[in-house]
């Protein structure tokens, strides 16, 4: 029952956050990322290099990371955005942000309680 509450609160927080945040600064159609492709490679010879060659040439693996992929990049972006939301709410920028920060703290409290209770 507690896990359902945690999941419900997480969903509510995510929904409220998505309503309050502005669109990304440079929205991109993720299905047509020709910048990440390498046109000098024939798709029949090496499809992986053809599809990802541009990305492989421009992105360096940061120190401390054994690998670096889009999942890691998205996790870093999400953590930074959440951090900014919480810091902005703590600074008193906007009442709705304060409400989201309070919801976020409540969610973390519930998660800690659910793990300590062995649920």
PDB file of N, CA and C in Angstrom:
ATOM      1  N   UNK A   1       0.828  -1.192   0.000  1.00  0.00           N
ATOM      2  CA  UNK A   1       0.000   0.000   0.000  1.00  0.00           C
ATOM      3  C   UNK A   1       0.871   1.255   0.000  1.00  0.00           C
ATOM      4  N   UNK A   2       1.958   1.218   0.796  1.00  0.00           N
ATOM      5  CA  UNK A   2       2.847   2.383   0.863  1.00  0.00           C
ATOM      6  C   UNK A   2       3.548   2.606  -0.471  1.00  0.00           C
ATOM      7  N   UNK A   3       3.918   1.506  -1.162  1.00  0.00           N
ATOM      8  CA  UNK A   3       4.557   1.652  -2.475  1.00  0.00           C
ATOM      9  C   UNK A   3       3.620   2.322  -3.469  1.00  0.00           C
ATOM     10  N   UNK A   4       2.329   1.999  -3.406  1.00  0.00           N
ATOM     11  CA  UNK A   4       1.368   2.640  -4.291  1.00  0.00           C
ATOM     12  C   UNK A   4       1.306   4.134  -4.004  1.00  0.00           C
ATOM     13  N   UNK A   5       1.317   4.506  -2.743  1.00  0.00           N
ATOM     14  CA  UNK A   5       1.294   5.921  -2.384  1.00  0.00           C
ATOM     15  C   UNK A   5       2.540   6.640  -2.900  1.00  0.00           C
ATOM     16  N   UNK A   6       3.683   6.000  -2.763  1.00  0.00           N
ATOM     17  CA  UNK A   6       4.932   6.595  -3.245  1.00  0.00           C
ATOM     18  C   UNK A   6       4.868   6.788  -4.749  1.00  0.00           C
ATOM     19  N   UNK A   7       4.390   5.765  -5.458  1.00  0.00           N
ATOM     20  CA  UNK A   7       4.297   5.874  -6.913  1.00  0.00           C
ATOM     21  C   UNK A   7       3.287   6.949  -7.311  1.00  0.00           C
ATOM     22  N   UNK A   8       2.163   7.016  -6.608  1.00  0.00           N
ATOM     23  CA  UNK A   8       1.147   8.019  -6.932  1.00  0.00           C
ATOM     24  C   UNK A   8       1.683   9.420  -6.693  1.00  0.00           C
ATOM     25  N   UNK A   9       2.372   9.614  -5.584  1.00  0.00           N
ATOM     26  CA  UNK A   9       2.940  10.923  -5.298  1.00  0.00           C
ATOM     27  C   UNK A   9       4.004  11.287  -6.332  1.00  0.00           C
ATOM     28  N   UNK A  10       4.814  10.320  -6.727  1.00  0.00           N
ATOM     29  CA  UNK A  10       5.820  10.560  -7.763  1.00  0.00           C
ATOM     30  C   UNK A  10       5.173  10.959  -9.080  1.00  0.00           C
ATOM     31  N   UNK A  11       4.082  10.296  -9.437  1.00  0.00           N
ATOM     32  CA  UNK A  11       3.376  10.639 -10.671  1.00  0.00           C
ATOM     33  C   UNK A  11       2.811  12.046 -10.580  1.00  0.00           C
ATOM     34  N   UNK A  12       2.207  12.383  -9.456  1.00  0.00           N
ATOM     35  CA  UNK A  12       1.635  13.719  -9.284  1.00  0.00           C
ATOM     36  C   UNK A  12       2.728  14.773  -9.383  1.00  0.00           C
ATOM     37  N   UNK A  13       3.864  14.519  -8.745  1.00  0.00           N
ATOM     38  CA  UNK A  13       4.976  15.468  -8.794  1.00  0.00           C
ATOM     39  C   UNK A  13       5.478  15.637 -10.217  1.00  0.00           C
ATOM     40  N   UNK A  14       5.645  14.536 -10.930  1.00  0.00           N
ATOM     41  CA  UNK A  14       6.143  14.608 -12.307  1.00  0.00           C
ATOM     42  C   UNK A  14       5.155  15.365 -13.196  1.00  0.00           C
ATOM     43  N   UNK A  15       3.864  15.110 -12.999  1.00  0.00           N
ATOM     44  CA  UNK A  15       2.853  15.795 -13.793  1.00  0.00           C
ATOM     45  C   UNK A  15       2.850  17.286 -13.490  1.00  0.00           C
ATOM     46  N   UNK A  16       2.904  17.642 -12.206  1.00  0.00           N
ATOM     47  CA  UNK A  16       2.907  19.056 -11.830  1.00  0.00           C
ATOM     48  C   UNK A  16       4.152  19.758 -12.355  1.00  0.00           C
ATOM     49  N   UNK A  17       5.279  19.087 -12.306  1.00  0.00           N
ATOM     50  CA  UNK A  17       6.519  19.666 -12.802  1.00  0.00           C
ATOM     51  C   UNK A  17       6.444  19.882 -14.303  1.00  0.00           C
ATOM     52  N   UNK A  18       5.877  18.922 -15.022  1.00  0.00           N
ATOM     53  CA  UNK A  18       5.795  19.065 -16.480  1.00  0.00           C
ATOM     54  C   UNK A  18       4.858  20.203 -16.865  1.00  0.00           C
ATOM     55  N   UNK A  19       3.843  20.476 -16.074  1.00  0.00           N
ATOM     56  CA  UNK A  19       2.941  21.581 -16.369  1.00  0.00           C
ATOM     57  C   UNK A  19       3.608  22.925 -16.128  1.00  0.00           C
ATOM     58  N   UNK A  20       4.469  22.983 -15.109  1.00  0.00           N
ATOM     59  CA  UNK A  20       5.050  24.261 -14.731  1.00  0.00           C
ATOM     60  C   UNK A  20       6.319  24.623 -15.455  1.00  0.00           C
ATOM     61  N   UNK A  21       6.964  23.692 -16.096  1.00  0.00           N
ATOM     62  CA  UNK A  21       8.237  23.999 -16.741  1.00  0.00           C
ATOM     63  C   UNK A  21       8.020  24.443 -18.172  1.00  0.00           C
ATOM     64  N   UNK A  22       8.898  25.298 -18.623  1.00  0.00           N
ATOM     65  CA  UNK A  22       8.826  25.776 -20.008  1.00  0.00           C
ATOM     66  C   UNK A  22       9.375  24.712 -20.935  1.00  0.00           C
ATOM     67  N   UNK A  23       9.135  24.876 -22.200  1.00  0.00           N
ATOM     68  CA  UNK A  23       9.654  23.939 -23.199  1.00  0.00           C
ATOM     69  C   UNK A  23      11.173  24.017 -23.208  1.00  0.00           C
ATOM     70  N   UNK A  24      11.793  22.969 -23.690  1.00  0.00           N
ATOM     71  CA  UNK A  24      13.255  22.927 -23.756  1.00  0.00           C
ATOM     72  C   UNK A  24      13.775  24.086 -24.596  1.00  0.00           C
ATOM     73  N   UNK A  25      14.977  24.537 -24.277  1.00  0.00           N
ATOM     74  CA  UNK A  25      15.520  25.707 -24.966  1.00  0.00           C
ATOM     75  C   UNK A  25      15.742  25.460 -26.451  1.00  0.00           C
ATOM     76  N   UNK A  26      16.101  24.256 -26.830  1.00  0.00           N
ATOM     77  CA  UNK A  26      16.234  23.949 -28.252  1.00  0.00           C
ATOM     78  C   UNK A  26      15.584  22.602 -28.536  1.00  0.00           C
ATOM     79  N   UNK A  27      14.245  22.602 -28.704  1.00  0.00           N
ATOM     80  CA  UNK A  27      13.569  21.333 -28.961  1.00  0.00           C
ATOM     81  C   UNK A  27      14.041  20.739 -30.277  1.00  0.00           C
ATOM     82  N   UNK A  28      14.210  19.438 -30.274  1.00  0.00           N
ATOM     83  CA  UNK A  28      14.705  18.753 -31.459  1.00  0.00           C
ATOM     84  C   UNK A  28      13.814  17.564 -31.749  1.00  0.00           C
ATOM     85  N   UNK A  29      13.679  17.269 -33.012  1.00  0.00           N
ATOM     86  CA  UNK A  29      12.988  16.060 -33.397  1.00  0.00           C
ATOM     87  C   UNK A  29      13.986  14.919 -33.243  1.00  0.00           C
ATOM     88  N   UNK A  30      13.817  14.128 -32.218  1.00  0.00           N
ATOM     89  CA  UNK A  30      14.800  13.090 -31.899  1.00  0.00           C
ATOM     90  C   UNK A  30      14.839  11.981 -32.953  1.00  0.00           C
ATOM     91  N   UNK A  31      13.867  11.951 -33.862  1.00  0.00           N
ATOM     92  CA  UNK A  31      13.873  10.934 -34.899  1.00  0.00           C
ATOM     93  C   UNK A  31      14.703  11.326 -36.109  1.00  0.00           C
ATOM     94  N   UNK A  32      15.110  12.583 -36.205  1.00  0.00           N
ATOM     95  CA  UNK A  32      15.901  13.010 -37.356  1.00  0.00           C
ATOM     96  C   UNK A  32      17.137  13.766 -36.890  1.00  0.00           C
ATOM     97  N   UNK A  33      18.070  13.063 -36.329  1.00  0.00           N
ATOM     98  CA  UNK A  33      19.313  13.657 -35.840  1.00  0.00           C
ATOM     99  C   UNK A  33      20.429  13.386 -36.836  1.00  0.00           C
ATOM    100  N   UNK A  34      20.380  14.066 -37.971  1.00  0.00           N
ATOM    101  CA  UNK A  34      21.373  13.853 -39.016  1.00  0.00           C
ATOM    102  C   UNK A  34      22.761  14.305 -38.570  1.00  0.00           C
ATOM    103  N   UNK A  35      22.832  15.191 -37.595  1.00  0.00           N
ATOM    104  CA  UNK A  35      24.122  15.644 -37.063  1.00  0.00           C
ATOM    105  C   UNK A  35      24.878  14.478 -36.435  1.00  0.00           C
ATOM    106  N   UNK A  36      24.147  13.537 -35.863  1.00  0.00           N
ATOM    107  CA  UNK A  36      24.774  12.391 -35.205  1.00  0.00           C
ATOM    108  C   UNK A  36      25.186  11.298 -36.183  1.00  0.00           C
ATOM    109  N   UNK A  37      24.808  11.444 -37.435  1.00  0.00           N
ATOM    110  CA  UNK A  37      25.119  10.423 -38.426  1.00  0.00           C
ATOM    111  C   UNK A  37      26.432  10.740 -39.132  1.00  0.00           C
ATOM    112  N   UNK A  38      27.024   9.733 -39.736  1.00  0.00           N
ATOM    113  CA  UNK A  38      28.249   9.898 -40.506  1.00  0.00           C
ATOM    114  C   UNK A  38      27.965   9.468 -41.941  1.00  0.00           C
ATOM    115  N   UNK A  39      27.753  10.466 -42.819  1.00  0.00           N
ATOM    116  CA  UNK A  39      27.412  10.182 -44.209  1.00  0.00           C
ATOM    117  C   UNK A  39      28.554   9.621 -45.028  1.00  0.00           C
ATOM    118  N   UNK A  40      29.788   9.685 -44.494  1.00  0.00           N
ATOM    119  CA  UNK A  40      30.929   9.166 -45.243  1.00  0.00           C
ATOM    120  C   UNK A  40      30.999   7.632 -45.183  1.00  0.00           C
ATOM    121  N   UNK A  41      30.231   7.026 -44.297  1.00  0.00           N
ATOM    122  CA  UNK A  41      30.216   5.569 -44.161  1.00  0.00           C
ATOM    123  C   UNK A  41      28.958   5.037 -44.830  1.00  0.00           C
ATOM    124  N   UNK A  42      29.098   4.001 -45.616  1.00  0.00           N
ATOM    125  CA  UNK A  42      27.943   3.396 -46.271  1.00  0.00           C
ATOM    126  C   UNK A  42      27.176   2.561 -45.240  1.00  0.00           C
ATOM    127  N   UNK A  43      25.854   2.683 -45.210  1.00  0.00           N
ATOM    128  CA  UNK A  43      25.072   1.931 -44.230  1.00  0.00           C
ATOM    129  C   UNK A  43      25.257   0.423 -44.337  1.00  0.00           C
ATOM    130  N   UNK A  44      25.496  -0.081 -45.535  1.00  0.00           N
ATOM    131  CA  UNK A  44      25.687  -1.519 -45.707  1.00  0.00           C
ATOM    132  C   UNK A  44      27.034  -2.008 -45.192  1.00  0.00           C
ATOM    133  N   UNK A  45      28.034  -1.110 -45.126  1.00  0.00           N
ATOM    134  CA  UNK A  45      29.362  -1.501 -44.653  1.00  0.00           C
ATOM    135  C   UNK A  45      29.419  -1.543 -43.127  1.00  0.00           C
ATOM    136  N   UNK A  46      28.942  -0.495 -42.473  1.00  0.00           N
ATOM    137  CA  UNK A  46      28.983  -0.414 -41.008  1.00  0.00           C
ATOM    138  C   UNK A  46      27.833   0.478 -40.552  1.00  0.00           C
ATOM    139  N   UNK A  47      26.686  -0.137 -40.321  1.00  0.00           N
ATOM    140  CA  UNK A  47      25.501   0.649 -39.995  1.00  0.00           C
ATOM    141  C   UNK A  47      25.658   1.413 -38.680  1.00  0.00           C
ATOM    142  N   UNK A  48      26.320   0.822 -37.708  1.00  0.00           N
ATOM    143  CA  UNK A  48      26.514   1.507 -36.415  1.00  0.00           C
ATOM    144  C   UNK A  48      27.280   2.816 -36.612  1.00  0.00           C
ATOM    145  N   UNK A  49      28.368   2.773 -37.376  1.00  0.00           N
ATOM    146  CA  UNK A  49      29.140   3.997 -37.650  1.00  0.00           C
ATOM    147  C   UNK A  49      28.339   4.982 -38.498  1.00  0.00           C
ATOM    148  N   UNK A  50      27.555   4.458 -39.428  1.00  0.00           N
ATOM    149  CA  UNK A  50      26.718   5.320 -40.261  1.00  0.00           C
ATOM    150  C   UNK A  50      25.700   6.071 -39.392  1.00  0.00           C
ATOM    151  N   UNK A  51      25.039   5.369 -38.488  1.00  0.00           N
ATOM    152  CA  UNK A  51      23.991   5.969 -37.666  1.00  0.00           C
ATOM    153  C   UNK A  51      24.533   6.817 -36.526  1.00  0.00           C
ATOM    154  N   UNK A  52      25.696   6.475 -35.973  1.00  0.00           N
ATOM    155  CA  UNK A  52      26.201   7.140 -34.775  1.00  0.00           C
ATOM    156  C   UNK A  52      27.558   7.803 -34.944  1.00  0.00           C
ATOM    157  N   UNK A  53      28.102   7.790 -36.133  1.00  0.00           N
ATOM    158  CA  UNK A  53      29.459   8.287 -36.353  1.00  0.00           C
ATOM    159  C   UNK A  53      29.673   9.729 -35.953  1.00  0.00           C
ATOM    160  N   UNK A  54      28.728  10.607 -36.267  1.00  0.00           N
ATOM    161  CA  UNK A  54      28.858  12.020 -35.893  1.00  0.00           C
ATOM    162  C   UNK A  54      28.881  12.205 -34.393  1.00  0.00           C
ATOM    163  N   UNK A  55      28.022  11.480 -33.693  1.00  0.00           N
ATOM    164  CA  UNK A  55      27.980  11.560 -32.228  1.00  0.00           C
ATOM    165  C   UNK A  55      29.277  11.022 -31.638  1.00  0.00           C
ATOM    166  N   UNK A  56      29.758   9.920 -32.172  1.00  0.00           N
ATOM    167  CA  UNK A  56      30.987   9.322 -31.656  1.00  0.00           C
ATOM    168  C   UNK A  56      32.191  10.254 -31.839  1.00  0.00           C
ATOM    169  N   UNK A  57      32.185  11.049 -32.920  1.00  0.00           N
ATOM    170  CA  UNK A  57      33.296  11.970 -33.175  1.00  0.00           C
ATOM    171  C   UNK A  57      33.258  13.195 -32.262  1.00  0.00           C
ATOM    172  N   UNK A  58      32.067  13.632 -31.858  1.00  0.00           N
ATOM    173  CA  UNK A  58      31.955  14.897 -31.117  1.00  0.00           C
ATOM    174  C   UNK A  58      31.839  14.741 -29.614  1.00  0.00           C
ATOM    175  N   UNK A  59      31.385  13.605 -29.121  1.00  0.00           N
ATOM    176  CA  UNK A  59      31.163  13.432 -27.683  1.00  0.00           C
ATOM    177  C   UNK A  59      32.321  12.663 -27.069  1.00  0.00           C
ATOM    178  N   UNK A  60      32.892  13.241 -26.022  1.00  0.00           N
ATOM    179  CA  UNK A  60      33.983  12.580 -25.305  1.00  0.00           C
ATOM    180  C   UNK A  60      33.437  12.010 -24.000  1.00  0.00           C
ATOM    181  N   UNK A  61      33.956  10.871 -23.580  1.00  0.00           N
ATOM    182  CA  UNK A  61      33.546  10.270 -22.318  1.00  0.00           C
ATOM    183  C   UNK A  61      34.179  11.070 -21.181  1.00  0.00           C
ATOM    184  N   UNK A  62      33.358  11.642 -20.292  1.00  0.00           N
ATOM    185  CA  UNK A  62      33.908  12.424 -19.178  1.00  0.00           C
ATOM    186  C   UNK A  62      34.707  11.530 -18.220  1.00  0.00           C
ATOM    187  N   UNK A  63      35.691  12.131 -17.576  1.00  0.00           N
ATOM    188  CA  UNK A  63      36.474  11.351 -16.613  1.00  0.00           C
ATOM    189  C   UNK A  63      35.564  10.919 -15.477  1.00  0.00           C
ATOM    190  N   UNK A  64      35.791   9.725 -14.996  1.00  0.00           N
ATOM    191  CA  UNK A  64      34.977   9.183 -13.923  1.00  0.00           C
ATOM    192  C   UNK A  64      33.796   8.366 -14.414  1.00  0.00           C
ATOM    193  N   UNK A  65      33.563   8.350 -15.720  1.00  0.00           N
ATOM    194  CA  UNK A  65      32.475   7.563 -16.295  1.00  0.00           C
ATOM    195  C   UNK A  65      33.076   6.452 -17.147  1.00  0.00           C
ATOM    196  N   UNK A  66      32.715   5.191 -16.890  1.00  0.00           N
ATOM    197  CA  UNK A  66      33.224   4.119 -17.740  1.00  0.00           C
ATOM    198  C   UNK A  66      32.597   4.171 -19.140  1.00  0.00           C
ATOM    199  N   UNK A  67      31.357   4.640 -19.221  1.00  0.00           N
ATOM    200  CA  UNK A  67      30.674   4.806 -20.498  1.00  0.00           C
ATOM    201  C   UNK A  67      29.921   6.134 -20.454  1.00  0.00           C
ATOM    202  N   UNK A  68      29.477   6.589 -21.606  1.00  0.00           N
ATOM    203  CA  UNK A  68      28.701   7.826 -21.669  1.00  0.00           C
ATOM    204  C   UNK A  68      27.743   7.708 -22.829  1.00  0.00           C
ATOM    205  N   UNK A  69      26.465   7.621 -22.525  1.00  0.00           N
ATOM    206  CA  UNK A  69      25.460   7.484 -23.572  1.00  0.00           C
ATOM    207  C   UNK A  69      24.321   8.453 -23.321  1.00  0.00           C
ATOM    208  N   UNK A  70      23.304   8.391 -24.156  1.00  0.00           N
ATOM    209  CA  UNK A  70      22.199   9.340 -24.024  1.00  0.00           C
ATOM    210  C   UNK A  70      21.457   9.170 -22.706  1.00  0.00           C
ATOM    211  N   UNK A  71      21.411   7.961 -22.174  1.00  0.00           N
ATOM    212  CA  UNK A  71      20.766   7.744 -20.874  1.00  0.00           C
ATOM    213  C   UNK A  71      21.497   8.525 -19.795  1.00  0.00           C
ATOM    214  N   UNK A  72      22.812   8.480 -19.799  1.00  0.00           N
ATOM    215  CA  UNK A  72      23.606   9.229 -18.824  1.00  0.00           C
ATOM    216  C   UNK A  72      23.397  10.724 -19.010  1.00  0.00           C
ATOM    217  N   UNK A  73      23.368  11.173 -20.254  1.00  0.00           N
ATOM    218  CA  UNK A  73      23.157  12.589 -20.537  1.00  0.00           C
ATOM    219  C   UNK A  73      21.793  13.056 -20.026  1.00  0.00           C
ATOM    220  N   UNK A  74      20.755  12.261 -20.261  1.00  0.00           N
ATOM    221  CA  UNK A  74      19.421  12.616 -19.794  1.00  0.00           C
ATOM    222  C   UNK A  74      19.338  12.606 -18.275  1.00  0.00           C
ATOM    223  N   UNK A  75      19.994  11.632 -17.635  1.00  0.00           N
ATOM    224  CA  UNK A  75      20.009  11.603 -16.175  1.00  0.00           C
ATOM    225  C   UNK A  75      20.674  12.851 -15.613  1.00  0.00           C
ATOM    226  N   UNK A  76      21.768  13.276 -16.211  1.00  0.00           N
ATOM    227  CA  UNK A  76      22.458  14.480 -15.750  1.00  0.00           C
ATOM    228  C   UNK A  76      21.591  15.725 -15.943  1.00  0.00           C
ATOM    229  N   UNK A  77      20.935  15.825 -17.104  1.00  0.00           N
ATOM    230  CA  UNK A  77      20.053  16.964 -17.374  1.00  0.00           C
ATOM    231  C   UNK A  77      18.890  16.999 -16.394  1.00  0.00           C
ATOM    232  N   UNK A  78      18.290  15.839 -16.144  1.00  0.00           N
ATOM    233  CA  UNK A  78      17.158  15.774 -15.223  1.00  0.00           C
ATOM    234  C   UNK A  78      17.582  16.144 -13.809  1.00  0.00           C
ATOM    235  N   UNK A  79      18.713  15.620 -13.365  1.00  0.00           N
ATOM    236  CA  UNK A  79      19.198  15.955 -12.019  1.00  0.00           C
ATOM    237  C   UNK A  79      19.469  17.450 -11.906  1.00  0.00           C
ATOM    238  N   UNK A  80      20.040  18.049 -12.938  1.00  0.00           N
ATOM    239  CA  UNK A  80      20.317  19.486 -12.913  1.00  0.00           C
ATOM    240  C   UNK A  80      19.024  20.292 -12.862  1.00  0.00           C
ATOM    241  N   UNK A  81      18.028  19.904 -13.646  1.00  0.00           N
ATOM    242  CA  UNK A  81      16.749  20.621 -13.648  1.00  0.00           C
ATOM    243  C   UNK A  81      16.047  20.509 -12.297  1.00  0.00           C
ATOM    244  N   UNK A  82      16.054  19.316 -11.715  1.00  0.00           N
ATOM    245  CA  UNK A  82      15.431  19.137 -10.399  1.00  0.00           C
ATOM    246  C   UNK A  82      16.168  19.974  -9.360  1.00  0.00           C
ATOM    247  N   UNK A  83      17.490  19.968  -9.422  1.00  0.00           N
ATOM    248  CA  UNK A  83      18.294  20.770  -8.497  1.00  0.00           C
ATOM    249  C   UNK A  83      17.942  22.249  -8.617  1.00  0.00           C
ATOM    250  N   UNK A  84      17.819  22.743  -9.862  1.00  0.00           N
ATOM    251  CA  UNK A  84      17.468  24.147 -10.082  1.00  0.00           C
ATOM    252  C   UNK A  84      16.077  24.467  -9.563  1.00  0.00           C
ATOM    253  N   UNK A  85      15.127  23.550  -9.776  1.00  0.00           N
ATOM    254  CA  UNK A  85      13.776  23.763  -9.268  1.00  0.00           C
ATOM    255  C   UNK A  85      13.766  23.876  -7.749  1.00  0.00           C
ATOM    256  N   UNK A  86      14.464  22.957  -7.096  1.00  0.00           N
ATOM    257  CA  UNK A  86      14.473  22.949  -5.638  1.00  0.00           C
ATOM    258  C   UNK A  86      15.205  24.166  -5.099  1.00  0.00           C
ATOM    259  N   UNK A  87      16.335  24.524  -5.703  1.00  0.00           N
ATOM    260  CA  UNK A  87      17.069  25.705  -5.241  1.00  0.00           C
ATOM    261  C   UNK A  87      16.259  26.977  -5.489  1.00  0.00           C
ATOM    262  N   UNK A  88      15.550  27.046  -6.613  1.00  0.00           N
ATOM    263  CA  UNK A  88      14.710  28.206  -6.890  1.00  0.00           C
ATOM    264  C   UNK A  88      13.572  28.312  -5.896  1.00  0.00           C
ATOM    265  N   UNK A  89      12.994  27.167  -5.550  1.00  0.00           N
ATOM    266  CA  UNK A  89      11.909  27.177  -4.574  1.00  0.00           C
ATOM    267  C   UNK A  89      12.419  27.585  -3.199  1.00  0.00           C
ATOM    268  N   UNK A  90      13.608  27.121  -2.847  1.00  0.00           N
ATOM    269  CA  UNK A  90      14.185  27.487  -1.553  1.00  0.00           C
ATOM    270  C   UNK A  90      14.497  28.979  -1.500  1.00  0.00           C
ATOM    271  N   UNK A  91      14.822  29.566  -2.659  1.00  0.00           N
ATOM    272  CA  UNK A  91      15.113  30.997  -2.709  1.00  0.00           C
ATOM    273  C   UNK A  91      13.836  31.821  -2.756  1.00  0.00           C
ATOM    274  N   UNK A  92      12.678  31.155  -2.884  1.00  0.00           N
ATOM    275  CA  UNK A  92      11.396  31.846  -2.877  1.00  0.00           C
ATOM    276  C   UNK A  92      11.058  32.526  -4.183  1.00  0.00           C
ATOM    277  N   UNK A  93      11.489  31.969  -5.299  1.00  0.00           N
ATOM    278  CA  UNK A  93      11.228  32.578  -6.601  1.00  0.00           C
ATOM    279  C   UNK A  93       9.753  32.573  -6.974  1.00  0.00           C
ATOM    280  N   UNK A  94       9.048  31.522  -6.616  1.00  0.00           N
ATOM    281  CA  UNK A  94       7.708  31.363  -7.163  1.00  0.00           C
ATOM    282  C   UNK A  94       6.953  30.366  -6.288  1.00  0.00           C
ATOM    283  N   UNK A  95       5.711  30.655  -5.965  1.00  0.00           N
ATOM    284  CA  UNK A  95       4.924  29.807  -5.069  1.00  0.00           C
ATOM    285  C   UNK A  95       4.697  28.408  -5.608  1.00  0.00           C
ATOM    286  N   UNK A  96       4.470  28.274  -6.914  1.00  0.00           N
ATOM    287  CA  UNK A  96       4.235  26.943  -7.469  1.00  0.00           C
ATOM    288  C   UNK A  96       5.502  26.095  -7.391  1.00  0.00           C
ATOM    289  N   UNK A  97       6.638  26.734  -7.529  1.00  0.00           N
ATOM    290  CA  UNK A  97       7.892  25.989  -7.390  1.00  0.00           C
ATOM    291  C   UNK A  97       8.075  25.533  -5.950  1.00  0.00           C
ATOM    292  N   UNK A  98       7.647  26.344  -5.007  1.00  0.00           N
ATOM    293  CA  UNK A  98       7.741  25.940  -3.608  1.00  0.00           C
ATOM    294  C   UNK A  98       6.873  24.718  -3.355  1.00  0.00           C
ATOM    295  N   UNK A  99       5.712  24.695  -3.962  1.00  0.00           N
ATOM    296  CA  UNK A  99       4.828  23.542  -3.799  1.00  0.00           C
ATOM    297  C   UNK A  99       5.463  22.292  -4.386  1.00  0.00           C
ATOM    298  N   UNK A 100       6.116  22.420  -5.547  1.00  0.00           N
ATOM    299  CA  UNK A 100       6.782  21.262  -6.148  1.00  0.00           C
ATOM    300  C   UNK A 100       7.944  20.791  -5.288  1.00  0.00           C
ATOM    301  N   UNK A 101       8.681  21.739  -4.712  1.00  0.00           N
ATOM    302  CA  UNK A 101       9.798  21.355  -3.848  1.00  0.00           C
ATOM    303  C   UNK A 101       9.289  20.628  -2.618  1.00  0.00           C
ATOM    304  N   UNK A 102       8.188  21.092  -2.058  1.00  0.00           N
ATOM    305  CA  UNK A 102       7.604  20.419  -0.895  1.00  0.00           C
ATOM    306  C   UNK A 102       7.146  19.017  -1.270  1.00  0.00           C
ATOM    307  N   UNK A 103       6.551  18.870  -2.457  1.00  0.00           N
ATOM    308  CA  UNK A 103       6.126  17.552  -2.914  1.00  0.00           C
ATOM    309  C   UNK A 103       7.330  16.638  -3.108  1.00  0.00           C
ATOM    310  N   UNK A 104       8.412  17.186  -3.644  1.00  0.00           N
ATOM    311  CA  UNK A 104       9.632  16.410  -3.861  1.00  0.00           C
ATOM    312  C   UNK A 104      10.207  15.928  -2.527  1.00  0.00           C
ATOM    313  N   UNK A 105      10.256  16.822  -1.541  1.00  0.00           N
ATOM    314  CA  UNK A 105      10.762  16.425  -0.219  1.00  0.00           C
ATOM    315  C   UNK A 105       9.869  15.360   0.400  1.00  0.00           C
ATOM    316  N   UNK A 106       8.559  15.495   0.233  1.00  0.00           N
ATOM    317  CA  UNK A 106       7.625  14.503   0.759  1.00  0.00           C
ATOM    318  C   UNK A 106       7.825  13.152   0.086  1.00  0.00           C
ATOM    319  N   UNK A 107       8.042  13.179  -1.215  1.00  0.00           N
ATOM    320  CA  UNK A 107       8.283  11.936  -1.944  1.00  0.00           C
ATOM    321  C   UNK A 107       9.524  11.241  -1.411  1.00  0.00           C
ATOM    322  N   UNK A 108      10.604  11.989  -1.220  1.00  0.00           N
ATOM    323  CA  UNK A 108      11.832  11.380  -0.698  1.00  0.00           C
ATOM    324  C   UNK A 108      11.634  10.843   0.713  1.00  0.00           C
ATOM    325  N   UNK A 109      10.859  11.557   1.524  1.00  0.00           N
ATOM    326  CA  UNK A 109      10.577  11.080   2.877  1.00  0.00           C
ATOM    327  C   UNK A 109       9.817   9.761   2.820  1.00  0.00           C
ATOM    328  N   UNK A 110       8.830   9.669   1.936  1.00  0.00           N
ATOM    329  CA  UNK A 110       8.051   8.431   1.814  1.00  0.00           C
ATOM    330  C   UNK A 110       8.904   7.280   1.305  1.00  0.00           C
ATOM    331  N   UNK A 111       9.786   7.564   0.359  1.00  0.00           N
ATOM    332  CA  UNK A 111      10.669   6.507  -0.153  1.00  0.00           C
ATOM    333  C   UNK A 111      11.560   5.988   0.955  1.00  0.00           C
ATOM    334  N   UNK A 112      12.144   6.908   1.739  1.00  0.00           N
ATOM    335  CA  UNK A 112      12.993   6.483   2.854  1.00  0.00           C
ATOM    336  C   UNK A 112      12.206   5.653   3.853  1.00  0.00           C
ATOM    337  N   UNK A 113      10.984   6.087   4.152  1.00  0.00           N
ATOM    338  CA  UNK A 113      10.146   5.321   5.090  1.00  0.00           C
ATOM    339  C   UNK A 113       9.812   3.940   4.559  1.00  0.00           C
ATOM    340  N   UNK A 114       9.515   3.858   3.253  1.00  0.00           N
ATOM    341  CA  UNK A 114       9.161   2.559   2.687  1.00  0.00           C
ATOM    342  C   UNK A 114      10.347   1.606   2.711  1.00  0.00           C
ATOM    343  N   UNK A 115      11.555   2.123   2.483  1.00  0.00           N
ATOM    344  CA  UNK A 115      12.736   1.254   2.550  1.00  0.00           C
ATOM    345  C   UNK A 115      13.079   0.873   3.981  1.00  0.00           C
ATOM    346  N   UNK A 116      12.908   1.789   4.909  1.00  0.00           N
ATOM    347  CA  UNK A 116      13.229   1.465   6.307  1.00  0.00           C
ATOM    348  C   UNK A 116      12.205   0.500   6.897  1.00  0.00           C
ATOM    349  N   UNK A 117      10.965   0.527   6.369  1.00  0.00           N
ATOM    350  CA  UNK A 117       9.933  -0.386   6.853  1.00  0.00           C
ATOM    351  C   UNK A 117      10.048  -1.749   6.199  1.00  0.00           C
ATOM    352  N   UNK A 118      10.899  -1.864   5.213  1.00  0.00           N
ATOM    353  CA  UNK A 118      11.091  -3.158   4.529  1.00  0.00           C
ATOM    354  C   UNK A 118      10.002  -3.472   3.543  1.00  0.00           C
ATOM    355  N   UNK A 119       9.270  -2.456   3.100  1.00  0.00           N
ATOM    356  CA  UNK A 119       8.161  -2.676   2.154  1.00  0.00           C
ATOM    357  C   UNK A 119       8.692  -2.835   0.751  1.00  0.00           C
TER     358      UNK A 119
END
